[in-house]
């Protein structure tokens, strides 16, 4: 069973996922990075460009999901170095520091809240989120074209691409595709017909939506939604 709540850290989401007996479904690209806890392990989930399917038996997870582009400053590593990866926190931070944090989460009555406390502590001294990149996410999530958004922000294509690699793990066009997929899934899950979903989310038509879903999610939209629609 999956549950989430807004974090005390602006823009972040705290979540838990407990097995219900069914096989774990794919984790789809969403533009975000997460700090994770499961069975004594502290990990960082980098930005995905393809579906991630957990291996092995189902297990419980807790995590904090950071607003797109904000995790690298908190974690101290460029997003592109973690693209499509799950990495032990001890591989990114000094081992003794990671070990202390692991012991803290393990001893806490609620692992998700302990992860949130770690993120809040990091945020007290980390660089503030880049307002330009925050605005970029907002514009692209509204369906605005990358080129027009870059012009509005007053930033050249090469500089924008470079800054996006560090913040999101990929360029602005990939970010736009992933945010568009997220919009489409939200619409389809709310019961909007697929053809209307395609247009409202910013696709040319329903076949365009179908191709993008297969490329980014690895399976047809109907299968993702459990046969509904």
Foldseek 3Di string as FASTA:
>chain_A
DKDWDDAPPPQKIKIKDADPPDADDWDFFALKKKFKDWDLFTKIQAGEQATDGDDDDDTMMIIMIHHHQPVCQLLVFFRLVRYRHIGTSVVRDPVVVSVVLSVVLVPDPHNRVSNSVSSVVSVVPTDDGDVLVVVLLVCLLQVHDPVVSCVVSVHDQVVQQVSCCRRRSGGSVSSSLSSLLVQLLVCVLVPDDQQVSCVNSHHPGSVRNQVSCCSRYVDGPCVVNPNDD
